[in-house]
């Protein structure tokens, strides 16, 4: 089970909006929007990752509406192509 799949599944479970994608440098990038409680739960899930993952760090920053707008039109949460 890959990291993006885990993030997508957790986002669905928590009813979050946003997206996830791989980066060419090997990192995984995600933007999520929801209540403080559900966003915190997603951050914790990302820190654990899937069983085979070795999560070195979770870097946080505020995202804006432009970041959220990258998701696929009509989807509440998207898995995007590698950037």
Protein backbone atom coordinates (compact mmCIF):
# COMPACT_ATOMS: atom_id res chain seq x y z
CA UNK A 1 0.00 0.00 0.00
CA UNK A 2 1.50 3.32 -1.10
CA UNK A 3 1.68 6.59 0.74
CA UNK A 4 -0.70 8.41 -1.60
CA UNK A 5 -3.29 5.65 -1.18
CA UNK A 6 -3.06 5.93 2.60
CA UNK A 7 -3.48 9.71 2.44
CA UNK A 8 -6.43 9.40 0.04
CA UNK A 9 -8.12 6.77 2.24
CA UNK A 10 -7.56 8.79 5.40
CA UNK A 11 -8.91 11.94 3.71
CA UNK A 12 -12.07 10.07 2.74
CA UNK A 13 -12.46 8.69 6.27
CA UNK A 14 -12.01 12.15 7.79
CA UNK A 15 -14.13 13.89 5.12
CA UNK A 16 -11.29 16.23 4.16
CA UNK A 17 -10.93 18.17 0.93
CA UNK A 18 -7.66 18.52 -0.94
CA UNK A 19 -5.11 16.52 -2.88
CA UNK A 20 -1.95 14.41 -2.65
CA UNK A 21 0.90 13.81 -5.12
CA UNK A 22 4.39 12.42 -5.35
CA UNK A 23 7.26 14.80 -5.93
CA UNK A 24 10.22 14.02 -8.15
CA UNK A 25 12.54 14.31 -5.14
CA UNK A 26 10.80 11.31 -3.51
CA UNK A 27 8.66 13.32 -1.10
CA UNK A 28 4.89 13.21 -0.95
CA UNK A 29 3.03 16.52 -0.93
CA UNK A 30 -0.54 17.02 0.25
CA UNK A 31 -2.97 19.87 0.78
CA UNK A 32 -5.91 19.22 3.08
CA UNK A 33 -8.80 21.35 4.27
CA UNK A 34 -11.21 20.60 7.08
CA UNK A 35 -11.78 21.22 10.75
CA UNK A 36 -8.76 21.70 13.00
CA UNK A 37 -9.44 18.29 14.55
CA UNK A 38 -9.56 16.39 11.26
CA UNK A 39 -6.54 18.19 9.80
CA UNK A 40 -4.58 17.31 12.96
CA UNK A 41 -5.64 13.67 12.57
CA UNK A 42 -4.39 13.71 8.96
CA UNK A 43 -1.05 15.20 10.00
CA UNK A 44 -0.65 12.42 12.57
CA UNK A 45 -1.54 9.79 9.95
CA UNK A 46 1.06 11.24 7.57
CA UNK A 47 3.65 11.04 10.33
CA UNK A 48 2.99 7.31 10.63
CA UNK A 49 2.61 6.58 6.93
CA UNK A 50 1.92 3.10 5.56
CA UNK A 51 3.77 0.11 7.07
CA UNK A 52 6.59 0.10 4.48
CA UNK A 53 7.21 3.87 4.62
CA UNK A 54 10.09 5.55 6.39
CA UNK A 55 8.73 9.00 7.23
CA UNK A 56 11.67 11.29 7.91
CA UNK A 57 9.64 14.45 8.55
CA UNK A 58 6.30 16.13 8.07
CA UNK A 59 6.73 19.74 7.02
CA UNK A 60 3.74 22.01 7.54
CA UNK A 61 2.73 25.31 5.99
CA UNK A 62 -0.49 27.21 5.50
CA UNK A 63 -2.09 26.61 2.12
CA UNK A 64 -4.34 28.99 0.27
CA UNK A 65 -7.32 28.68 -2.02
CA UNK A 66 -4.98 28.55 -5.04
CA UNK A 67 -3.29 25.44 -3.59
CA UNK A 68 -6.62 23.71 -2.96
CA UNK A 69 -7.78 24.59 -6.48
CA UNK A 70 -5.21 22.18 -7.96
CA UNK A 71 -7.48 19.21 -7.23
CA UNK A 72 -9.43 17.64 -10.07
CA UNK A 73 -12.64 19.54 -10.80
CA UNK A 74 -15.63 17.82 -9.24
CA UNK A 75 -13.56 15.82 -6.72
CA UNK A 76 -13.37 16.66 -3.06
CA UNK A 77 -9.97 14.91 -2.78
CA UNK A 78 -7.65 14.10 -5.69
CA UNK A 79 -4.54 12.07 -6.35
CA UNK A 80 -2.50 14.26 -8.68
CA UNK A 81 0.32 13.44 -11.07
CA UNK A 82 3.91 13.72 -9.90
CA UNK A 83 5.22 17.29 -9.79
